[in-house]
Amino acid sequence: MNKIFISFALLLTFVAGPAVADDCTMPDKPSIPDGSTATMEEMIAGQSAVKAYQAAVEAYRGCQDGRMEALKAAVEEGDPGAAPAFETATDAYNESVTLEEQLAEEFNQAIRAYKAANPS
C-alpha cells in the first residue's frame, strides 16, 4: 500500500511538475535610481521597490523549496530525470540569492551617491 501511495505521489509530482515550475516565477529586478541625481522621493520609491522585490524573491524561493523537496524525493526513489531537474532548481534558487545581493549592493551604492550629492 505504501509503495502504491509513493508511486502515485511521484506520478502526481511529475504531472504537476510543469505547473509548479510555472508558478515559481522569479520576479523582475527593479530599476535603481541614480543616487547622484535622484530626489529624496525617487530614493524612497527605489527603496520601496527593493523591499517589494525582496518580498517577491522570498516567495519565489519558498515555491522553489517545495519544488526541490518533491524533486529530491523523486531522486531518492531512483527517478533518473529528477536529478537534473533538482540541479536546475537548485541553481535557480542560488541565482535568486545572488541577484538579490547584487540589487542590495546597487541600492547601497545609490544611497552613498545620494548622500555625497546631498551632504546636508
PDB file of N, CA and C in Angstrom:
ATOM      1  N   MET A   1       0.834  -1.199   0.000  1.00  0.00           N
ATOM      2  CA  MET A   1       0.000   0.000   0.000  1.00  0.00           C
ATOM      3  C   MET A   1       0.873   1.254   0.000  1.00  0.00           C
ATOM      4  N   ASN A   2       1.908   1.269   0.864  1.00  0.00           N
ATOM      5  CA  ASN A   2       2.783   2.438   0.962  1.00  0.00           C
ATOM      6  C   ASN A   2       3.512   2.682  -0.355  1.00  0.00           C
ATOM      7  N   LYS A   3       3.940   1.607  -1.004  1.00  0.00           N
ATOM      8  CA  LYS A   3       4.643   1.741  -2.272  1.00  0.00           C
ATOM      9  C   LYS A   3       3.707   2.306  -3.349  1.00  0.00           C
ATOM     10  N   ILE A   4       2.444   1.919  -3.316  1.00  0.00           N
ATOM     11  CA  ILE A   4       1.467   2.447  -4.270  1.00  0.00           C
ATOM     12  C   ILE A   4       1.271   3.938  -4.033  1.00  0.00           C
ATOM     13  N   PHE A   5       1.170   4.331  -2.753  1.00  0.00           N
ATOM     14  CA  PHE A   5       0.997   5.742  -2.415  1.00  0.00           C
ATOM     15  C   PHE A   5       2.192   6.561  -2.892  1.00  0.00           C
ATOM     16  N   ILE A   6       3.393   6.055  -2.663  1.00  0.00           N
ATOM     17  CA  ILE A   6       4.604   6.774  -3.081  1.00  0.00           C
ATOM     18  C   ILE A   6       4.645   6.881  -4.605  1.00  0.00           C
ATOM     19  N   SER A   7       4.302   5.803  -5.291  1.00  0.00           N
ATOM     20  CA  SER A   7       4.290   5.838  -6.755  1.00  0.00           C
ATOM     21  C   SER A   7       3.281   6.853  -7.264  1.00  0.00           C
ATOM     22  N   PHE A   8       2.089   6.874  -6.640  1.00  0.00           N
ATOM     23  CA  PHE A   8       1.070   7.837  -7.033  1.00  0.00           C
ATOM     24  C   PHE A   8       1.547   9.260  -6.769  1.00  0.00           C
ATOM     25  N   ALA A   9       2.175   9.491  -5.609  1.00  0.00           N
ATOM     26  CA  ALA A   9       2.669  10.828  -5.265  1.00  0.00           C
ATOM     27  C   ALA A   9       3.730  11.281  -6.255  1.00  0.00           C
ATOM     28  N   LEU A  10       4.615  10.374  -6.648  1.00  0.00           N
ATOM     29  CA  LEU A  10       5.643  10.724  -7.632  1.00  0.00           C
ATOM     30  C   LEU A  10       5.029  11.018  -8.990  1.00  0.00           C
ATOM     31  N   LEU A  11       4.055  10.211  -9.385  1.00  0.00           N
ATOM     32  CA  LEU A  11       3.375  10.455 -10.650  1.00  0.00           C
ATOM     33  C   LEU A  11       2.708  11.818 -10.623  1.00  0.00           C
ATOM     34  N   LEU A  12       2.038  12.128  -9.539  1.00  0.00           N
ATOM     35  CA  LEU A  12       1.382  13.425  -9.398  1.00  0.00           C
ATOM     36  C   LEU A  12       2.410  14.555  -9.450  1.00  0.00           C
ATOM     37  N   THR A  13       3.546  14.353  -8.830  1.00  0.00           N
ATOM     38  CA  THR A  13       4.605  15.358  -8.844  1.00  0.00           C
ATOM     39  C   THR A  13       5.073  15.641 -10.270  1.00  0.00           C
ATOM     40  N   PHE A  14       5.229  14.604 -11.072  1.00  0.00           N
ATOM     41  CA  PHE A  14       5.729  14.812 -12.426  1.00  0.00           C
ATOM     42  C   PHE A  14       4.659  15.342 -13.363  1.00  0.00           C
ATOM     43  N   VAL A  15       3.428  14.985 -13.112  1.00  0.00           N
ATOM     44  CA  VAL A  15       2.349  15.546 -13.914  1.00  0.00           C
ATOM     45  C   VAL A  15       2.159  17.010 -13.557  1.00  0.00           C
ATOM     46  N   ALA A  16       2.227  17.317 -12.261  1.00  0.00           N
ATOM     47  CA  ALA A  16       2.047  18.692 -11.808  1.00  0.00           C
ATOM     48  C   ALA A  16       3.343  19.473 -11.878  1.00  0.00           C
ATOM     49  N   GLY A  17       4.452  18.806 -12.087  1.00  0.00           N
ATOM     50  CA  GLY A  17       5.755  19.464 -12.087  1.00  0.00           C
ATOM     51  C   GLY A  17       5.848  20.680 -12.979  1.00  0.00           C
ATOM     52  N   PRO A  18       5.412  20.593 -14.250  1.00  0.00           N
ATOM     53  CA  PRO A  18       5.471  21.773 -15.097  1.00  0.00           C
ATOM     54  C   PRO A  18       4.622  22.922 -14.568  1.00  0.00           C
ATOM     55  N   ALA A  19       3.473  22.602 -13.987  1.00  0.00           N
ATOM     56  CA  ALA A  19       2.630  23.664 -13.426  1.00  0.00           C
ATOM     57  C   ALA A  19       3.314  24.297 -12.231  1.00  0.00           C
ATOM     58  N   VAL A  20       3.943  23.476 -11.400  1.00  0.00           N
ATOM     59  CA  VAL A  20       4.667  24.018 -10.248  1.00  0.00           C
ATOM     60  C   VAL A  20       5.808  24.894 -10.724  1.00  0.00           C
ATOM     61  N   ALA A  21       6.524  24.439 -11.746  1.00  0.00           N
ATOM     62  CA  ALA A  21       7.641  25.226 -12.254  1.00  0.00           C
ATOM     63  C   ALA A  21       7.165  26.567 -12.780  1.00  0.00           C
ATOM     64  N   ASP A  22       5.996  26.570 -13.447  1.00  0.00           N
ATOM     65  CA  ASP A  22       5.471  27.823 -13.963  1.00  0.00           C
ATOM     66  C   ASP A  22       5.070  28.765 -12.838  1.00  0.00           C
ATOM     67  N   ASP A  23       4.633  28.203 -11.724  1.00  0.00           N
ATOM     68  CA  ASP A  23       4.237  29.027 -10.589  1.00  0.00           C
ATOM     69  C   ASP A  23       5.445  29.650  -9.897  1.00  0.00           C
ATOM     70  N   CYS A  24       6.585  29.035 -10.001  1.00  0.00           N
ATOM     71  CA  CYS A  24       7.806  29.562  -9.391  1.00  0.00           C
ATOM     72  C   CYS A  24       8.442  30.540 -10.382  1.00  0.00           C
ATOM     73  N   THR A  25       7.961  31.749 -10.375  1.00  0.00           N
ATOM     74  CA  THR A  25       8.441  32.746 -11.322  1.00  0.00           C
ATOM     75  C   THR A  25       9.314  33.757 -10.598  1.00  0.00           C
ATOM     76  N   MET A  26      10.539  33.875 -11.053  1.00  0.00           N
ATOM     77  CA  MET A  26      11.458  34.843 -10.485  1.00  0.00           C
ATOM     78  C   MET A  26      10.987  36.242 -10.867  1.00  0.00           C
ATOM     79  N   PRO A  27      10.853  37.135  -9.881  1.00  0.00           N
ATOM     80  CA  PRO A  27      10.393  38.496 -10.197  1.00  0.00           C
ATOM     81  C   PRO A  27      11.457  39.283 -10.960  1.00  0.00           C
ATOM     82  N   ASP A  28      11.008  40.279 -11.675  1.00  0.00           N
ATOM     83  CA  ASP A  28      11.933  41.155 -12.392  1.00  0.00           C
ATOM     84  C   ASP A  28      12.613  42.091 -11.406  1.00  0.00           C
ATOM     85  N   LYS A  29      13.872  42.322 -11.662  1.00  0.00           N
ATOM     86  CA  LYS A  29      14.661  43.212 -10.821  1.00  0.00           C
ATOM     87  C   LYS A  29      14.247  44.662 -11.088  1.00  0.00           C
ATOM     88  N   PRO A  30      13.980  45.422 -10.035  1.00  0.00           N
ATOM     89  CA  PRO A  30      13.570  46.815 -10.252  1.00  0.00           C
ATOM     90  C   PRO A  30      14.754  47.700 -10.641  1.00  0.00           C
ATOM     91  N   SER A  31      14.431  48.858 -11.195  1.00  0.00           N
ATOM     92  CA  SER A  31      15.460  49.845 -11.519  1.00  0.00           C
ATOM     93  C   SER A  31      15.851  50.576 -10.250  1.00  0.00           C
ATOM     94  N   ILE A  32      17.116  50.884 -10.159  1.00  0.00           N
ATOM     95  CA  ILE A  32      17.643  51.638  -9.022  1.00  0.00           C
ATOM     96  C   ILE A  32      17.867  53.069  -9.486  1.00  0.00           C
ATOM     97  N   PRO A  33      17.413  54.045  -8.705  1.00  0.00           N
ATOM     98  CA  PRO A  33      17.639  55.435  -9.119  1.00  0.00           C
ATOM     99  C   PRO A  33      19.129  55.791  -9.076  1.00  0.00           C
ATOM    100  N   ASP A  34      19.503  56.745  -9.904  1.00  0.00           N
ATOM    101  CA  ASP A  34      20.869  57.270  -9.887  1.00  0.00           C
ATOM    102  C   ASP A  34      20.979  58.195  -8.684  1.00  0.00           C
ATOM    103  N   GLY A  35      21.649  57.735  -7.656  1.00  0.00           N
ATOM    104  CA  GLY A  35      21.729  58.485  -6.412  1.00  0.00           C
ATOM    105  C   GLY A  35      22.348  59.864  -6.548  1.00  0.00           C
ATOM    106  N   SER A  36      23.208  60.051  -7.532  1.00  0.00           N
ATOM    107  CA  SER A  36      23.872  61.351  -7.679  1.00  0.00           C
ATOM    108  C   SER A  36      22.929  62.421  -8.223  1.00  0.00           C
ATOM    109  N   THR A  37      21.811  62.007  -8.843  1.00  0.00           N
ATOM    110  CA  THR A  37      20.869  62.980  -9.408  1.00  0.00           C
ATOM    111  C   THR A  37      19.437  62.805  -8.891  1.00  0.00           C
ATOM    112  N   ALA A  38      19.169  61.753  -8.149  1.00  0.00           N
ATOM    113  CA  ALA A  38      17.806  61.444  -7.703  1.00  0.00           C
ATOM    114  C   ALA A  38      17.346  62.400  -6.609  1.00  0.00           C
ATOM    115  N   THR A  39      16.029  62.569  -6.560  1.00  0.00           N
ATOM    116  CA  THR A  39      15.426  63.326  -5.460  1.00  0.00           C
ATOM    117  C   THR A  39      15.206  62.369  -4.300  1.00  0.00           C
ATOM    118  N   MET A  40      14.898  62.929  -3.135  1.00  0.00           N
ATOM    119  CA  MET A  40      14.607  62.104  -1.970  1.00  0.00           C
ATOM    120  C   MET A  40      13.412  61.189  -2.263  1.00  0.00           C
ATOM    121  N   GLU A  41      12.397  61.724  -2.957  1.00  0.00           N
ATOM    122  CA  GLU A  41      11.216  60.931  -3.291  1.00  0.00           C
ATOM    123  C   GLU A  41      11.579  59.742  -4.189  1.00  0.00           C
ATOM    124  N   GLU A  42      12.482  59.976  -5.150  1.00  0.00           N
ATOM    125  CA  GLU A  42      12.916  58.891  -6.029  1.00  0.00           C
ATOM    126  C   GLU A  42      13.698  57.829  -5.250  1.00  0.00           C
ATOM    127  N   MET A  43      14.496  58.268  -4.303  1.00  0.00           N
ATOM    128  CA  MET A  43      15.243  57.313  -3.473  1.00  0.00           C
ATOM    129  C   MET A  43      14.286  56.493  -2.607  1.00  0.00           C
ATOM    130  N   ILE A  44      13.278  57.136  -2.063  1.00  0.00           N
ATOM    131  CA  ILE A  44      12.294  56.406  -1.245  1.00  0.00           C
ATOM    132  C   ILE A  44      11.521  55.417  -2.111  1.00  0.00           C
ATOM    133  N   ALA A  45      11.154  55.837  -3.316  1.00  0.00           N
ATOM    134  CA  ALA A  45      10.467  54.927  -4.241  1.00  0.00           C
ATOM    135  C   ALA A  45      11.376  53.747  -4.598  1.00  0.00           C
ATOM    136  N   GLY A  46      12.656  54.033  -4.780  1.00  0.00           N
ATOM    137  CA  GLY A  46      13.619  52.965  -5.062  1.00  0.00           C
ATOM    138  C   GLY A  46      13.721  51.989  -3.901  1.00  0.00           C
ATOM    139  N   GLN A  47      13.732  52.530  -2.691  1.00  0.00           N
ATOM    140  CA  GLN A  47      13.794  51.680  -1.509  1.00  0.00           C
ATOM    141  C   GLN A  47      12.546  50.792  -1.425  1.00  0.00           C
ATOM    142  N   SER A  48      11.391  51.367  -1.715  1.00  0.00           N
ATOM    143  CA  SER A  48      10.147  50.584  -1.702  1.00  0.00           C
ATOM    144  C   SER A  48      10.185  49.480  -2.755  1.00  0.00           C
ATOM    145  N   ALA A  49      10.726  49.802  -3.922  1.00  0.00           N
ATOM    146  CA  ALA A  49      10.830  48.804  -4.984  1.00  0.00           C
ATOM    147  C   ALA A  49      11.768  47.667  -4.583  1.00  0.00           C
ATOM    148  N   VAL A  50      12.859  48.016  -3.919  1.00  0.00           N
ATOM    149  CA  VAL A  50      13.808  46.991  -3.458  1.00  0.00           C
ATOM    150  C   VAL A  50      13.132  46.091  -2.424  1.00  0.00           C
ATOM    151  N   LYS A  51      12.417  46.680  -1.487  1.00  0.00           N
ATOM    152  CA  LYS A  51      11.732  45.881  -0.466  1.00  0.00           C
ATOM    153  C   LYS A  51      10.670  44.970  -1.086  1.00  0.00           C
ATOM    154  N   ALA A  52       9.929  45.483  -2.060  1.00  0.00           N
ATOM    155  CA  ALA A  52       8.918  44.662  -2.737  1.00  0.00           C
ATOM    156  C   ALA A  52       9.582  43.511  -3.491  1.00  0.00           C
ATOM    157  N   TYR A  53      10.703  43.798  -4.131  1.00  0.00           N
ATOM    158  CA  TYR A  53      11.451  42.765  -4.846  1.00  0.00           C
ATOM    159  C   TYR A  53      11.929  41.692  -3.869  1.00  0.00           C
ATOM    160  N   GLN A  54      12.460  42.120  -2.728  1.00  0.00           N
ATOM    161  CA  GLN A  54      12.952  41.162  -1.747  1.00  0.00           C
ATOM    162  C   GLN A  54      11.819  40.254  -1.256  1.00  0.00           C
ATOM    163  N   ALA A  55      10.638  40.818  -1.048  1.00  0.00           N
ATOM    164  CA  ALA A  55       9.491  40.008  -0.627  1.00  0.00           C
ATOM    165  C   ALA A  55       9.092  39.022  -1.727  1.00  0.00           C
ATOM    166  N   ALA A  56       9.105  39.478  -2.966  1.00  0.00           N
ATOM    167  CA  ALA A  56       8.745  38.607  -4.088  1.00  0.00           C
ATOM    168  C   ALA A  56       9.776  37.494  -4.272  1.00  0.00           C
ATOM    169  N   VAL A  57      11.048  37.816  -4.084  1.00  0.00           N
ATOM    170  CA  VAL A  57      12.095  36.799  -4.208  1.00  0.00           C
ATOM    171  C   VAL A  57      11.972  35.774  -3.080  1.00  0.00           C
ATOM    172  N   GLU A  58      11.606  36.239  -1.905  1.00  0.00           N
ATOM    173  CA  GLU A  58      11.400  35.311  -0.786  1.00  0.00           C
ATOM    174  C   GLU A  58      10.261  34.333  -1.115  1.00  0.00           C
ATOM    175  N   ALA A  59       9.184  34.848  -1.689  1.00  0.00           N
ATOM    176  CA  ALA A  59       8.063  33.981  -2.094  1.00  0.00           C
ATOM    177  C   ALA A  59       8.509  33.002  -3.185  1.00  0.00           C
ATOM    178  N   TYR A  60       9.308  33.480  -4.121  1.00  0.00           N
ATOM    179  CA  TYR A  60       9.847  32.619  -5.185  1.00  0.00           C
ATOM    180  C   TYR A  60      10.660  31.482  -4.579  1.00  0.00           C
ATOM    181  N   ARG A  61      11.521  31.815  -3.627  1.00  0.00           N
ATOM    182  CA  ARG A  61      12.348  30.776  -3.009  1.00  0.00           C
ATOM    183  C   ARG A  61      11.501  29.791  -2.207  1.00  0.00           C
ATOM    184  N   GLY A  62      10.419  30.260  -1.603  1.00  0.00           N
ATOM    185  CA  GLY A  62       9.508  29.344  -0.922  1.00  0.00           C
ATOM    186  C   GLY A  62       8.901  28.355  -1.907  1.00  0.00           C
ATOM    187  N   CYS A  63       8.533  28.849  -3.059  1.00  0.00           N
ATOM    188  CA  CYS A  63       7.997  27.991  -4.121  1.00  0.00           C
ATOM    189  C   CYS A  63       9.066  26.994  -4.572  1.00  0.00           C
ATOM    190  N   GLN A  64      10.273  27.479  -4.767  1.00  0.00           N
ATOM    191  CA  GLN A  64      11.366  26.600  -5.185  1.00  0.00           C
ATOM    192  C   GLN A  64      11.665  25.551  -4.120  1.00  0.00           C
ATOM    193  N   ASP A  65      11.558  25.918  -2.849  1.00  0.00           N
ATOM    194  CA  ASP A  65      11.783  24.951  -1.770  1.00  0.00           C
ATOM    195  C   ASP A  65      10.845  23.757  -1.926  1.00  0.00           C
ATOM    196  N   GLY A  66       9.564  24.047  -2.155  1.00  0.00           N
ATOM    197  CA  GLY A  66       8.595  22.970  -2.331  1.00  0.00           C
ATOM    198  C   GLY A  66       8.899  22.115  -3.540  1.00  0.00           C
ATOM    199  N   ARG A  67       9.271  22.759  -4.607  1.00  0.00           N
ATOM    200  CA  ARG A  67       9.609  22.027  -5.828  1.00  0.00           C
ATOM    201  C   ARG A  67      10.847  21.162  -5.614  1.00  0.00           C
ATOM    202  N   MET A  68      11.836  21.714  -4.932  1.00  0.00           N
ATOM    203  CA  MET A  68      13.076  20.970  -4.696  1.00  0.00           C
ATOM    204  C   MET A  68      12.839  19.780  -3.762  1.00  0.00           C
ATOM    205  N   GLU A  69      11.957  19.927  -2.792  1.00  0.00           N
ATOM    206  CA  GLU A  69      11.630  18.796  -1.912  1.00  0.00           C
ATOM    207  C   GLU A  69      11.038  17.650  -2.722  1.00  0.00           C
ATOM    208  N   ALA A  70      10.109  17.973  -3.610  1.00  0.00           N
ATOM    209  CA  ALA A  70       9.485  16.943  -4.440  1.00  0.00           C
ATOM    210  C   ALA A  70      10.515  16.283  -5.355  1.00  0.00           C
ATOM    211  N   LEU A  71      11.383  17.086  -5.928  1.00  0.00           N
ATOM    212  CA  LEU A  71      12.413  16.524  -6.810  1.00  0.00           C
ATOM    213  C   LEU A  71      13.411  15.674  -6.036  1.00  0.00           C
ATOM    214  N   LYS A  72      13.763  16.094  -4.833  1.00  0.00           N
ATOM    215  CA  LYS A  72      14.687  15.317  -4.011  1.00  0.00           C
ATOM    216  C   LYS A  72      14.079  13.961  -3.671  1.00  0.00           C
ATOM    217  N   ALA A  73      12.789  13.948  -3.350  1.00  0.00           N
ATOM    218  CA  ALA A  73      12.115  12.682  -3.073  1.00  0.00           C
ATOM    219  C   ALA A  73      12.142  11.784  -4.303  1.00  0.00           C
ATOM    220  N   ALA A  74      11.949  12.378  -5.468  1.00  0.00           N
ATOM    221  CA  ALA A  74      11.979  11.601  -6.706  1.00  0.00           C
ATOM    222  C   ALA A  74      13.374  11.033  -6.958  1.00  0.00           C
ATOM    223  N   VAL A  75      14.405  11.819  -6.659  1.00  0.00           N
ATOM    224  CA  VAL A  75      15.784  11.338  -6.810  1.00  0.00           C
ATOM    225  C   VAL A  75      16.009  10.143  -5.890  1.00  0.00           C
ATOM    226  N   GLU A  76      15.554  10.269  -4.648  1.00  0.00           N
ATOM    227  CA  GLU A  76      15.735   9.190  -3.680  1.00  0.00           C
ATOM    228  C   GLU A  76      14.978   7.927  -4.079  1.00  0.00           C
ATOM    229  N   GLU A  77      13.905   8.099  -4.831  1.00  0.00           N
ATOM    230  CA  GLU A  77      13.138   6.958  -5.322  1.00  0.00           C
ATOM    231  C   GLU A  77      13.760   6.354  -6.573  1.00  0.00           C
ATOM    232  N   GLY A  78      14.795   6.999  -7.105  1.00  0.00           N
ATOM    233  CA  GLY A  78      15.502   6.447  -8.252  1.00  0.00           C
ATOM    234  C   GLY A  78      15.072   6.967  -9.608  1.00  0.00           C
ATOM    235  N   ASP A  79      14.309   8.049  -9.648  1.00  0.00           N
ATOM    236  CA  ASP A  79      13.889   8.618 -10.931  1.00  0.00           C
ATOM    237  C   ASP A  79      15.096   9.262 -11.613  1.00  0.00           C
ATOM    238  N   PRO A  80      15.494   8.756 -12.778  1.00  0.00           N
ATOM    239  CA  PRO A  80      16.690   9.286 -13.437  1.00  0.00           C
ATOM    240  C   PRO A  80      16.543  10.723 -13.951  1.00  0.00           C
ATOM    241  N   GLY A  81      15.340  11.162 -14.232  1.00  0.00           N
ATOM    242  CA  GLY A  81      15.146  12.520 -14.735  1.00  0.00           C
ATOM    243  C   GLY A  81      15.062  13.565 -13.641  1.00  0.00           C
ATOM    244  N   ALA A  82      14.922  13.123 -12.408  1.00  0.00           N
ATOM    245  CA  ALA A  82      14.741  14.071 -11.309  1.00  0.00           C
ATOM    246  C   ALA A  82      16.038  14.770 -10.919  1.00  0.00           C
ATOM    247  N   ALA A  83      17.157  14.089 -11.022  1.00  0.00           N
ATOM    248  CA  ALA A  83      18.432  14.682 -10.598  1.00  0.00           C
ATOM    249  C   ALA A  83      18.785  15.935 -11.396  1.00  0.00           C
ATOM    250  N   PRO A  84      18.694  15.914 -12.736  1.00  0.00           N
ATOM    251  CA  PRO A  84      18.988  17.147 -13.471  1.00  0.00           C
ATOM    252  C   PRO A  84      17.985  18.263 -13.157  1.00  0.00           C
ATOM    253  N   ALA A  85      16.721  17.901 -12.966  1.00  0.00           N
ATOM    254  CA  ALA A  85      15.720  18.909 -12.624  1.00  0.00           C
ATOM    255  C   ALA A  85      15.994  19.498 -11.246  1.00  0.00           C
ATOM    256  N   PHE A  86      16.426  18.656 -10.313  1.00  0.00           N
ATOM    257  CA  PHE A  86      16.773  19.129  -8.976  1.00  0.00           C
ATOM    258  C   PHE A  86      17.963  20.094  -9.053  1.00  0.00           C
ATOM    259  N   GLU A  87      18.960  19.741  -9.850  1.00  0.00           N
ATOM    260  CA  GLU A  87      20.132  20.595 -10.009  1.00  0.00           C
ATOM    261  C   GLU A  87      19.752  21.941 -10.636  1.00  0.00           C
ATOM    262  N   THR A  88      18.882  21.919 -11.625  1.00  0.00           N
ATOM    263  CA  THR A  88      18.416  23.154 -12.265  1.00  0.00           C
ATOM    264  C   THR A  88      17.658  24.025 -11.271  1.00  0.00           C
ATOM    265  N   ALA A  89      16.787  23.401 -10.476  1.00  0.00           N
ATOM    266  CA  ALA A  89      16.022  24.152  -9.477  1.00  0.00           C
ATOM    267  C   ALA A  89      16.947  24.739  -8.413  1.00  0.00           C
ATOM    268  N   THR A  90      17.950  23.981  -8.010  1.00  0.00           N
ATOM    269  CA  THR A  90      18.915  24.466  -7.021  1.00  0.00           C
ATOM    270  C   THR A  90      19.701  25.643  -7.582  1.00  0.00           C
ATOM    271  N   ASP A  91      20.127  25.536  -8.834  1.00  0.00           N
ATOM    272  CA  ASP A  91      20.854  26.639  -9.472  1.00  0.00           C
ATOM    273  C   ASP A  91      19.993  27.899  -9.545  1.00  0.00           C
ATOM    274  N   ALA A  92      18.713  27.729  -9.881  1.00  0.00           N
ATOM    275  CA  ALA A  92      17.807  28.884  -9.961  1.00  0.00           C
ATOM    276  C   ALA A  92      17.623  29.518  -8.588  1.00  0.00           C
ATOM    277  N   TYR A  93      17.519  28.704  -7.577  1.00  0.00           N
ATOM    278  CA  TYR A  93      17.389  29.201  -6.199  1.00  0.00           C
ATOM    279  C   TYR A  93      18.629  30.015  -5.827  1.00  0.00           C
ATOM    280  N   ASN A  94      19.790  29.438  -6.071  1.00  0.00           N
ATOM    281  CA  ASN A  94      21.050  30.119  -5.740  1.00  0.00           C
ATOM    282  C   ASN A  94      21.213  31.408  -6.532  1.00  0.00           C
ATOM    283  N   GLU A  95      20.802  31.392  -7.789  1.00  0.00           N
ATOM    284  CA  GLU A  95      20.879  32.592  -8.624  1.00  0.00           C
ATOM    285  C   GLU A  95      19.992  33.703  -8.049  1.00  0.00           C
ATOM    286  N   SER A  96      18.843  33.322  -7.496  1.00  0.00           N
ATOM    287  CA  SER A  96      17.960  34.334  -6.906  1.00  0.00           C
ATOM    288  C   SER A  96      18.618  35.005  -5.710  1.00  0.00           C
ATOM    289  N   VAL A  97      19.390  34.246  -4.955  1.00  0.00           N
ATOM    290  CA  VAL A  97      20.122  34.824  -3.822  1.00  0.00           C
ATOM    291  C   VAL A  97      21.176  35.801  -4.327  1.00  0.00           C
ATOM    292  N   THR A  98      21.917  35.397  -5.351  1.00  0.00           N
ATOM    293  CA  THR A  98      22.954  36.249  -5.931  1.00  0.00           C
ATOM    294  C   THR A  98      22.362  37.549  -6.468  1.00  0.00           C
ATOM    295  N   LEU A  99      21.246  37.442  -7.198  1.00  0.00           N
ATOM    296  CA  LEU A  99      20.620  38.638  -7.759  1.00  0.00           C
ATOM    297  C   LEU A  99      20.108  39.578  -6.669  1.00  0.00           C
ATOM    298  N   GLU A 100      19.574  39.012  -5.609  1.00  0.00           N
ATOM    299  CA  GLU A 100      19.099  39.845  -4.502  1.00  0.00           C
ATOM    300  C   GLU A 100      20.266  40.568  -3.832  1.00  0.00           C
ATOM    301  N   GLU A 101      21.369  39.876  -3.646  1.00  0.00           N
ATOM    302  CA  GLU A 101      22.555  40.505  -3.058  1.00  0.00           C
ATOM    303  C   GLU A 101      23.094  41.612  -3.962  1.00  0.00           C
ATOM    304  N   GLN A 102      23.117  41.371  -5.265  1.00  0.00           N
ATOM    305  CA  GLN A 102      23.581  42.387  -6.210  1.00  0.00           C
ATOM    306  C   GLN A 102      22.694  43.625  -6.172  1.00  0.00           C
ATOM    307  N   LEU A 103      21.383  43.414  -6.117  1.00  0.00           N
ATOM    308  CA  LEU A 103      20.454  44.540  -6.056  1.00  0.00           C
ATOM    309  C   LEU A 103      20.673  45.350  -4.786  1.00  0.00           C
ATOM    310  N   ALA A 104      20.861  44.670  -3.675  1.00  0.00           N
ATOM    311  CA  ALA A 104      21.102  45.373  -2.411  1.00  0.00           C
ATOM    312  C   ALA A 104      22.379  46.212  -2.497  1.00  0.00           C
ATOM    313  N   GLU A 105      23.412  45.673  -3.109  1.00  0.00           N
ATOM    314  CA  GLU A 105      24.664  46.429  -3.244  1.00  0.00           C
ATOM    315  C   GLU A 105      24.478  47.618  -4.182  1.00  0.00           C
ATOM    316  N   GLU A 106      23.740  47.433  -5.269  1.00  0.00           N
ATOM    317  CA  GLU A 106      23.465  48.545  -6.193  1.00  0.00           C
ATOM    318  C   GLU A 106      22.706  49.662  -5.471  1.00  0.00           C
ATOM    319  N   PHE A 107      21.738  49.289  -4.653  1.00  0.00           N
ATOM    320  CA  PHE A 107      20.966  50.305  -3.947  1.00  0.00           C
ATOM    321  C   PHE A 107      21.838  50.989  -2.893  1.00  0.00           C
ATOM    322  N   ASN A 108      22.691  50.241  -2.229  1.00  0.00           N
ATOM    323  CA  ASN A 108      23.607  50.850  -1.258  1.00  0.00           C
ATOM    324  C   ASN A 108      24.546  51.843  -1.934  1.00  0.00           C
ATOM    325  N   GLN A 109      24.997  51.526  -3.133  1.00  0.00           N
ATOM    326  CA  GLN A 109      25.833  52.463  -3.892  1.00  0.00           C
ATOM    327  C   GLN A 109      25.043  53.720  -4.241  1.00  0.00           C
ATOM    328  N   ALA A 110      23.766  53.543  -4.607  1.00  0.00           N
ATOM    329  CA  ALA A 110      22.926  54.694  -4.925  1.00  0.00           C
ATOM    330  C   ALA A 110      22.733  55.576  -3.690  1.00  0.00           C
ATOM    331  N   ILE A 111      22.567  54.968  -2.533  1.00  0.00           N
ATOM    332  CA  ILE A 111      22.429  55.731  -1.290  1.00  0.00           C
ATOM    333  C   ILE A 111      23.705  56.526  -1.015  1.00  0.00           C
ATOM    334  N   ARG A 112      24.853  55.872  -1.183  1.00  0.00           N
ATOM    335  CA  ARG A 112      26.125  56.588  -0.964  1.00  0.00           C
ATOM    336  C   ARG A 112      26.268  57.760  -1.932  1.00  0.00           C
ATOM    337  N   ALA A 113      25.890  57.551  -3.186  1.00  0.00           N
ATOM    338  CA  ALA A 113      25.966  58.629  -4.177  1.00  0.00           C
ATOM    339  C   ALA A 113      24.994  59.749  -3.817  1.00  0.00           C
ATOM    340  N   TYR A 114      23.804  59.394  -3.354  1.00  0.00           N
ATOM    341  CA  TYR A 114      22.815  60.402  -2.955  1.00  0.00           C
ATOM    342  C   TYR A 114      23.362  61.230  -1.788  1.00  0.00           C
ATOM    343  N   LYS A 115      23.929  60.560  -0.806  1.00  0.00           N
ATOM    344  CA  LYS A 115      24.464  61.282   0.353  1.00  0.00           C
ATOM    345  C   LYS A 115      25.640  62.179  -0.051  1.00  0.00           C
ATOM    346  N   ALA A 116      26.452  61.732  -0.990  1.00  0.00           N
ATOM    347  CA  ALA A 116      27.556  62.555  -1.447  1.00  0.00           C
ATOM    348  C   ALA A 116      27.050  63.789  -2.199  1.00  0.00           C
ATOM    349  N   ALA A 117      25.974  63.623  -2.970  1.00  0.00           N
ATOM    350  CA  ALA A 117      25.426  64.736  -3.748  1.00  0.00           C
ATOM    351  C   ALA A 117      24.559  65.664  -2.891  1.00  0.00           C
ATOM    352  N   ASN A 118      24.115  65.180  -1.750  1.00  0.00           N
ATOM    353  CA  ASN A 118      23.232  65.947  -0.863  1.00  0.00           C
ATOM    354  C   ASN A 118      23.764  65.860   0.563  1.00  0.00           C
ATOM    355  N   PRO A 119      24.867  66.541   0.835  1.00  0.00           N
ATOM    356  CA  PRO A 119      25.530  66.372   2.133  1.00  0.00           C
ATOM    357  C   PRO A 119      24.741  66.912   3.342  1.00  0.00           C
ATOM    358  N   SER A 120      23.721  67.685   3.121  1.00  0.00           N
ATOM    359  CA  SER A 120      23.023  68.262   4.278  1.00  0.00           C
ATOM    360  C   SER A 120      22.080  67.346   4.945  1.00  0.00           C
TER     361      SER A 120
END
